[in-house]
C-alpha cells in the first residue's frame, strides 16, 4: 500500500514538472510531500510556513495535477513538519483514502 502513496505524489510531481521552470520545481514543488488525503483535501507537508506561502501560487497547478492523476478534484492544504512532529527526511506517507 505504501507504494501506492509514493506513486501518487510522484505522479503529481511529474505532472507539475511540465508546468513550471526546473528551478521552481526543485525549489518549491519537489520538497513537498503528501501527508493526507481526506474528503476533498490533499494536505502537503512542507518545511516551514514561509515555504507554504511560496507554494500558494502553484495551488491551481497542483490541483490540476492531482485531478489528472486521480480523476478527483482536491483542495490543497499545507502542514509543517514540526506540526506533525516528524523530520521530513524520515517522513512516511500517512493515509490515502
Foldseek 3Di string as FASTA:
>chain_A
DLVVQVVLLVQLLVQLPVVDPPVCSVPQPVLWGFAEDDDQATEIEDADVVSVVSCVVCQVSSQVSSCVRPVGGHGYHYDYCVVVPDDSVPDGHDDDD
